[in-house]
Amino acid sequence: MDPDWNDQQPIYRQLRDRVVAMLLEGVLSEGDALPSVRNVAAEYRVNPLTVLKGYQELVDEGLVEKRRGRGMFVIEGARQRLLSAERERFLAEEWPQVVATIERLGLDAASLLVAIEEENTK
């Protein structure tokens, strides 16, 4: 996790977002334990209640489960659920802007595919 915090949103929300990013990037897998609340709080010098609140959001979203006396663990299907939600959000919120930019620049599907291929061969 990145120790730099921004002032745009609460730290607990940034913690939650970083765990989500770790799940989407495959750093955390289903069944993996999250770093302990105490360790995260000590490492990033934040209040343990702040870490707990961020983790609780993940529990509330059905991505993580608490195991009494053992910690918090990523549940089965969490990554797929996140990918599905992120895809829906992208298509609803970001894709219309991308399409508008493509149209404004006069790009076509063929030139976009060439650009993607070139990017993938780097």
N, C-alpha and C. Protein backbone atom coordinates (compact mmCIF):
# COMPACT_ATOMS: atom_id res chain seq x y z
N MET A 1 0.84 -1.19 0.00
CA MET A 1 0.00 0.00 0.00
C MET A 1 0.88 1.25 0.00
N ASP A 2 0.41 2.25 -0.68
CA ASP A 2 1.12 3.52 -0.80
C ASP A 2 0.87 4.36 0.45
N PRO A 3 1.92 4.84 1.13
CA PRO A 3 1.74 5.58 2.37
C PRO A 3 1.32 7.04 2.19
N ASP A 4 1.23 7.53 0.96
CA ASP A 4 0.86 8.92 0.74
C ASP A 4 -0.65 9.07 0.71
N TRP A 5 -1.16 9.99 1.51
CA TRP A 5 -2.60 10.24 1.59
C TRP A 5 -2.91 11.54 0.89
N ASN A 6 -4.08 11.62 0.29
CA ASN A 6 -4.49 12.89 -0.32
C ASN A 6 -5.60 13.50 0.52
N ASP A 7 -5.86 14.76 0.30
CA ASP A 7 -6.86 15.48 1.07
C ASP A 7 -8.24 15.43 0.43
N GLN A 8 -8.38 14.68 -0.65
CA GLN A 8 -9.64 14.66 -1.39
C GLN A 8 -10.71 13.76 -0.77
N GLN A 9 -10.28 12.77 -0.01
CA GLN A 9 -11.24 11.87 0.63
C GLN A 9 -10.65 11.35 1.93
N PRO A 10 -11.52 10.84 2.81
CA PRO A 10 -11.04 10.35 4.11
C PRO A 10 -10.02 9.21 3.96
N ILE A 11 -9.12 9.11 4.92
CA ILE A 11 -8.08 8.08 4.88
C ILE A 11 -8.69 6.68 4.88
N TYR A 12 -9.75 6.44 5.66
CA TYR A 12 -10.34 5.10 5.68
C TYR A 12 -10.82 4.71 4.27
N ARG A 13 -11.32 5.67 3.51
CA ARG A 13 -11.80 5.39 2.16
C ARG A 13 -10.61 5.11 1.23
N GLN A 14 -9.52 5.83 1.43
CA GLN A 14 -8.32 5.59 0.64
C GLN A 14 -7.75 4.20 0.94
N LEU A 15 -7.80 3.78 2.19
CA LEU A 15 -7.36 2.44 2.56
C LEU A 15 -8.22 1.39 1.85
N ARG A 16 -9.51 1.60 1.89
CA ARG A 16 -10.44 0.69 1.23
C ARG A 16 -10.11 0.61 -0.26
N ASP A 17 -9.91 1.77 -0.89
CA ASP A 17 -9.63 1.80 -2.31
C ASP A 17 -8.31 1.11 -2.66
N ARG A 18 -7.34 1.20 -1.77
CA ARG A 18 -6.04 0.54 -2.01
C ARG A 18 -6.17 -0.97 -1.92
N VAL A 19 -6.97 -1.45 -1.00
CA VAL A 19 -7.19 -2.90 -0.91
C VAL A 19 -7.93 -3.37 -2.17
N VAL A 20 -8.92 -2.60 -2.61
CA VAL A 20 -9.64 -2.94 -3.84
C VAL A 20 -8.66 -3.01 -5.02
N ALA A 21 -7.78 -2.03 -5.13
CA ALA A 21 -6.78 -2.04 -6.21
C ALA A 21 -5.89 -3.28 -6.11
N MET A 22 -5.51 -3.66 -4.91
CA MET A 22 -4.68 -4.85 -4.72
C MET A 22 -5.43 -6.11 -5.17
N LEU A 23 -6.74 -6.15 -4.94
CA LEU A 23 -7.55 -7.28 -5.39
C LEU A 23 -7.64 -7.30 -6.92
N LEU A 24 -7.91 -6.16 -7.52
CA LEU A 24 -8.05 -6.09 -8.97
C LEU A 24 -6.74 -6.40 -9.68
N GLU A 25 -5.61 -6.02 -9.09
CA GLU A 25 -4.30 -6.25 -9.69
C GLU A 25 -3.75 -7.63 -9.39
N GLY A 26 -4.44 -8.40 -8.56
CA GLY A 26 -3.99 -9.74 -8.24
C GLY A 26 -2.96 -9.82 -7.14
N VAL A 27 -2.68 -8.71 -6.46
CA VAL A 27 -1.75 -8.73 -5.34
C VAL A 27 -2.35 -9.52 -4.18
N LEU A 28 -3.65 -9.35 -3.98
CA LEU A 28 -4.40 -10.14 -3.00
C LEU A 28 -5.30 -11.09 -3.76
N SER A 29 -5.38 -12.33 -3.29
CA SER A 29 -6.22 -13.33 -3.92
C SER A 29 -7.29 -13.81 -2.95
N GLU A 30 -8.25 -14.52 -3.49
CA GLU A 30 -9.29 -15.08 -2.65
C GLU A 30 -8.68 -15.98 -1.59
N GLY A 31 -9.12 -15.79 -0.36
CA GLY A 31 -8.61 -16.58 0.76
C GLY A 31 -7.43 -15.94 1.47
N ASP A 32 -6.82 -14.92 0.87
CA ASP A 32 -5.69 -14.24 1.50
C ASP A 32 -6.15 -13.41 2.69
N ALA A 33 -5.29 -13.33 3.68
CA ALA A 33 -5.56 -12.48 4.84
C ALA A 33 -5.14 -11.06 4.51
N LEU A 34 -5.93 -10.10 4.96
CA LEU A 34 -5.52 -8.70 4.86
C LEU A 34 -4.47 -8.44 5.93
N PRO A 35 -3.60 -7.47 5.70
CA PRO A 35 -2.65 -7.10 6.76
C PRO A 35 -3.45 -6.72 8.01
N SER A 36 -2.91 -7.02 9.17
CA SER A 36 -3.65 -6.75 10.40
C SER A 36 -3.88 -5.26 10.60
N VAL A 37 -4.96 -4.95 11.29
CA VAL A 37 -5.30 -3.55 11.58
C VAL A 37 -4.14 -2.89 12.32
N ARG A 38 -3.59 -3.58 13.28
CA ARG A 38 -2.48 -3.01 14.06
C ARG A 38 -1.26 -2.73 13.20
N ASN A 39 -0.92 -3.68 12.33
CA ASN A 39 0.26 -3.48 11.47
C ASN A 39 0.08 -2.31 10.52
N VAL A 40 -1.09 -2.23 9.89
CA VAL A 40 -1.35 -1.13 8.96
C VAL A 40 -1.33 0.20 9.70
N ALA A 41 -1.97 0.24 10.86
CA ALA A 41 -2.01 1.48 11.65
C ALA A 41 -0.60 1.91 12.04
N ALA A 42 0.22 0.96 12.48
CA ALA A 42 1.58 1.30 12.89
C ALA A 42 2.44 1.71 11.70
N GLU A 43 2.33 0.96 10.61
CA GLU A 43 3.17 1.23 9.45
C GLU A 43 2.88 2.59 8.82
N TYR A 44 1.60 2.97 8.76
CA TYR A 44 1.23 4.22 8.11
C TYR A 44 0.88 5.33 9.09
N ARG A 45 1.11 5.05 10.37
CA ARG A 45 0.88 6.02 11.43
C ARG A 45 -0.52 6.65 11.36
N VAL A 46 -1.51 5.76 11.32
CA VAL A 46 -2.90 6.19 11.38
C VAL A 46 -3.57 5.49 12.55
N ASN A 47 -4.69 6.02 12.95
CA ASN A 47 -5.45 5.46 14.05
C ASN A 47 -5.98 4.07 13.66
N PRO A 48 -5.86 3.08 14.54
CA PRO A 48 -6.40 1.75 14.23
C PRO A 48 -7.89 1.78 13.89
N LEU A 49 -8.64 2.70 14.48
CA LEU A 49 -10.06 2.80 14.16
C LEU A 49 -10.28 3.24 12.71
N THR A 50 -9.36 4.03 12.18
CA THR A 50 -9.42 4.44 10.77
C THR A 50 -9.24 3.23 9.87
N VAL A 51 -8.26 2.40 10.19
CA VAL A 51 -8.02 1.18 9.41
C VAL A 51 -9.22 0.26 9.51
N LEU A 52 -9.73 0.09 10.72
CA LEU A 52 -10.89 -0.77 10.94
C LEU A 52 -12.09 -0.30 10.14
N LYS A 53 -12.30 1.01 10.07
CA LYS A 53 -13.43 1.56 9.31
C LYS A 53 -13.27 1.25 7.82
N GLY A 54 -12.06 1.38 7.30
CA GLY A 54 -11.81 1.03 5.90
C GLY A 54 -12.05 -0.44 5.63
N TYR A 55 -11.58 -1.28 6.53
CA TYR A 55 -11.80 -2.72 6.39
C TYR A 55 -13.28 -3.07 6.52
N GLN A 56 -13.99 -2.37 7.41
CA GLN A 56 -15.41 -2.64 7.60
C GLN A 56 -16.20 -2.35 6.33
N GLU A 57 -15.79 -1.34 5.58
CA GLU A 57 -16.45 -1.07 4.30
C GLU A 57 -16.31 -2.27 3.36
N LEU A 58 -15.14 -2.90 3.37
CA LEU A 58 -14.92 -4.08 2.54
C LEU A 58 -15.81 -5.24 2.99
N VAL A 59 -16.00 -5.36 4.29
CA VAL A 59 -16.90 -6.39 4.83
C VAL A 59 -18.32 -6.09 4.38
N ASP A 60 -18.73 -4.83 4.53
CA ASP A 60 -20.09 -4.43 4.15
C ASP A 60 -20.36 -4.65 2.67
N GLU A 61 -19.33 -4.54 1.85
CA GLU A 61 -19.48 -4.75 0.41
C GLU A 61 -19.41 -6.22 0.02
N GLY A 62 -19.17 -7.09 0.99
CA GLY A 62 -19.12 -8.51 0.70
C GLY A 62 -17.85 -8.96 0.02
N LEU A 63 -16.77 -8.24 0.23
CA LEU A 63 -15.49 -8.59 -0.38
C LEU A 63 -14.55 -9.29 0.60
N VAL A 64 -14.77 -9.02 1.88
CA VAL A 64 -13.89 -9.53 2.94
C VAL A 64 -14.78 -10.06 4.06
N GLU A 65 -14.27 -11.08 4.75
CA GLU A 65 -15.00 -11.59 5.91
C GLU A 65 -14.11 -11.55 7.14
N LYS A 66 -14.75 -11.32 8.28
CA LYS A 66 -14.03 -11.36 9.56
C LYS A 66 -14.05 -12.79 10.06
N ARG A 67 -12.91 -13.23 10.53
CA ARG A 67 -12.83 -14.54 11.19
C ARG A 67 -12.35 -14.27 12.60
N ARG A 68 -13.23 -14.47 13.52
CA ARG A 68 -12.97 -14.14 14.91
C ARG A 68 -11.64 -14.71 15.39
N GLY A 69 -10.80 -13.81 15.89
CA GLY A 69 -9.51 -14.20 16.43
C GLY A 69 -8.44 -14.48 15.38
N ARG A 70 -8.81 -14.41 14.10
CA ARG A 70 -7.86 -14.74 13.03
C ARG A 70 -7.58 -13.58 12.10
N GLY A 71 -8.56 -12.65 11.96
CA GLY A 71 -8.35 -11.50 11.09
C GLY A 71 -9.40 -11.41 10.01
N MET A 72 -9.05 -10.69 8.95
CA MET A 72 -9.95 -10.46 7.82
C MET A 72 -9.38 -11.15 6.59
N PHE A 73 -10.27 -11.79 5.83
CA PHE A 73 -9.85 -12.58 4.68
C PHE A 73 -10.69 -12.24 3.46
N VAL A 74 -10.06 -12.28 2.30
CA VAL A 74 -10.75 -12.04 1.04
C VAL A 74 -11.66 -13.23 0.76
N ILE A 75 -12.92 -12.95 0.45
CA ILE A 75 -13.86 -14.05 0.21
C ILE A 75 -13.81 -14.52 -1.23
N GLU A 76 -14.31 -15.71 -1.46
CA GLU A 76 -14.35 -16.28 -2.80
C GLU A 76 -15.28 -15.44 -3.68
N GLY A 77 -14.83 -15.14 -4.88
CA GLY A 77 -15.63 -14.36 -5.82
C GLY A 77 -15.47 -12.86 -5.70
N ALA A 78 -14.64 -12.40 -4.75
CA ALA A 78 -14.48 -10.96 -4.53
C ALA A 78 -13.91 -10.26 -5.76
N ARG A 79 -12.88 -10.82 -6.34
CA ARG A 79 -12.25 -10.18 -7.51
C ARG A 79 -13.22 -10.10 -8.67
N GLN A 80 -13.95 -11.18 -8.92
CA GLN A 80 -14.90 -11.20 -10.03
C GLN A 80 -16.02 -10.18 -9.80
N ARG A 81 -16.49 -10.06 -8.56
CA ARG A 81 -17.52 -9.08 -8.23
C ARG A 81 -17.01 -7.66 -8.47
N LEU A 82 -15.76 -7.41 -8.07
CA LEU A 82 -15.15 -6.10 -8.28
C LEU A 82 -14.99 -5.79 -9.77
N LEU A 83 -14.49 -6.77 -10.53
CA LEU A 83 -14.31 -6.58 -11.97
C LEU A 83 -15.64 -6.25 -12.65
N SER A 84 -16.67 -6.96 -12.27
CA SER A 84 -17.99 -6.73 -12.85
C SER A 84 -18.47 -5.32 -12.54
N ALA A 85 -18.33 -4.90 -11.30
CA ALA A 85 -18.77 -3.56 -10.90
C ALA A 85 -17.93 -2.48 -11.59
N GLU A 86 -16.62 -2.70 -11.69
CA GLU A 86 -15.74 -1.72 -12.34
C GLU A 86 -16.04 -1.62 -13.83
N ARG A 87 -16.35 -2.74 -14.47
CA ARG A 87 -16.70 -2.71 -15.88
C ARG A 87 -17.98 -1.92 -16.11
N GLU A 88 -18.98 -2.18 -15.27
CA GLU A 88 -20.24 -1.44 -15.36
C GLU A 88 -20.02 0.05 -15.16
N ARG A 89 -19.22 0.41 -14.16
CA ARG A 89 -18.94 1.82 -13.89
C ARG A 89 -18.21 2.45 -15.07
N PHE A 90 -17.21 1.74 -15.61
CA PHE A 90 -16.46 2.25 -16.76
C PHE A 90 -17.38 2.52 -17.94
N LEU A 91 -18.23 1.54 -18.26
CA LEU A 91 -19.12 1.69 -19.41
C LEU A 91 -20.14 2.80 -19.20
N ALA A 92 -20.59 2.99 -17.98
CA ALA A 92 -21.59 4.02 -17.70
C ALA A 92 -21.00 5.41 -17.57
N GLU A 93 -19.81 5.52 -16.97
CA GLU A 93 -19.26 6.83 -16.64
C GLU A 93 -18.12 7.28 -17.54
N GLU A 94 -17.20 6.39 -17.87
CA GLU A 94 -16.01 6.80 -18.61
C GLU A 94 -16.12 6.57 -20.11
N TRP A 95 -16.74 5.47 -20.52
CA TRP A 95 -16.80 5.14 -21.93
C TRP A 95 -17.47 6.22 -22.77
N PRO A 96 -18.57 6.82 -22.33
CA PRO A 96 -19.16 7.90 -23.14
C PRO A 96 -18.17 9.05 -23.42
N GLN A 97 -17.32 9.36 -22.46
CA GLN A 97 -16.32 10.41 -22.66
C GLN A 97 -15.25 9.94 -23.66
N VAL A 98 -14.87 8.68 -23.58
CA VAL A 98 -13.88 8.13 -24.52
C VAL A 98 -14.45 8.16 -25.94
N VAL A 99 -15.70 7.74 -26.09
CA VAL A 99 -16.34 7.74 -27.41
C VAL A 99 -16.40 9.16 -27.96
N ALA A 100 -16.76 10.11 -27.12
CA ALA A 100 -16.83 11.51 -27.57
C ALA A 100 -15.46 12.00 -28.03
N THR A 101 -14.40 11.63 -27.32
CA THR A 101 -13.05 12.03 -27.72
C THR A 101 -12.66 11.38 -29.04
N ILE A 102 -12.97 10.10 -29.19
CA ILE A 102 -12.67 9.39 -30.44
C ILE A 102 -13.36 10.07 -31.61
N GLU A 103 -14.62 10.40 -31.43
CA GLU A 103 -15.37 11.06 -32.50
C GLU A 103 -14.81 12.45 -32.79
N ARG A 104 -14.49 13.19 -31.75
CA ARG A 104 -13.96 14.55 -31.90
C ARG A 104 -12.63 14.56 -32.66
N LEU A 105 -11.81 13.52 -32.43
CA LEU A 105 -10.50 13.42 -33.09
C LEU A 105 -10.57 12.75 -34.45
N GLY A 106 -11.75 12.26 -34.81
CA GLY A 106 -11.90 11.62 -36.12
C GLY A 106 -11.20 10.29 -36.23
N LEU A 107 -11.04 9.60 -35.15
CA LEU A 107 -10.39 8.28 -35.17
C LEU A 107 -11.40 7.22 -35.61
N ASP A 108 -10.88 6.14 -36.19
CA ASP A 108 -11.74 5.02 -36.55
C ASP A 108 -11.25 3.75 -35.85
N ALA A 109 -12.05 2.71 -35.93
CA ALA A 109 -11.74 1.46 -35.23
C ALA A 109 -10.40 0.88 -35.68
N ALA A 110 -10.11 0.95 -36.98
CA ALA A 110 -8.86 0.37 -37.49
C ALA A 110 -7.64 1.05 -36.89
N SER A 111 -7.65 2.39 -36.83
CA SER A 111 -6.50 3.09 -36.27
C SER A 111 -6.37 2.84 -34.77
N LEU A 112 -7.48 2.68 -34.10
CA LEU A 112 -7.43 2.36 -32.67
C LEU A 112 -6.86 0.97 -32.43
N LEU A 113 -7.24 0.01 -33.25
CA LEU A 113 -6.70 -1.34 -33.12
C LEU A 113 -5.19 -1.36 -33.38
N VAL A 114 -4.74 -0.60 -34.36
CA VAL A 114 -3.29 -0.51 -34.64
C VAL A 114 -2.58 0.07 -33.41
N ALA A 115 -3.14 1.12 -32.82
CA ALA A 115 -2.53 1.75 -31.64
C ALA A 115 -2.47 0.76 -30.48
N ILE A 116 -3.52 -0.02 -30.31
CA ILE A 116 -3.53 -1.02 -29.23
C ILE A 116 -2.45 -2.07 -29.47
N GLU A 117 -2.35 -2.57 -30.71
CA GLU A 117 -1.32 -3.55 -31.04
C GLU A 117 0.07 -3.01 -30.80
N GLU A 118 0.31 -1.77 -31.21
CA GLU A 118 1.61 -1.16 -31.00
C GLU A 118 1.92 -1.04 -29.52
N GLU A 119 0.94 -0.68 -28.74
CA GLU A 119 1.14 -0.55 -27.28
C GLU A 119 1.44 -1.90 -26.65
N ASN A 120 0.79 -2.94 -27.13
CA ASN A 120 0.98 -4.29 -26.57
C ASN A 120 2.33 -4.89 -26.95
N THR A 121 2.96 -4.41 -28.01
CA THR A 121 4.25 -4.96 -28.43
C THR A 121 5.44 -4.24 -27.79
N LYS A 122 5.17 -3.21 -27.04
CA LYS A 122 6.28 -2.48 -26.38
C LYS A 122 6.85 -3.27 -25.25
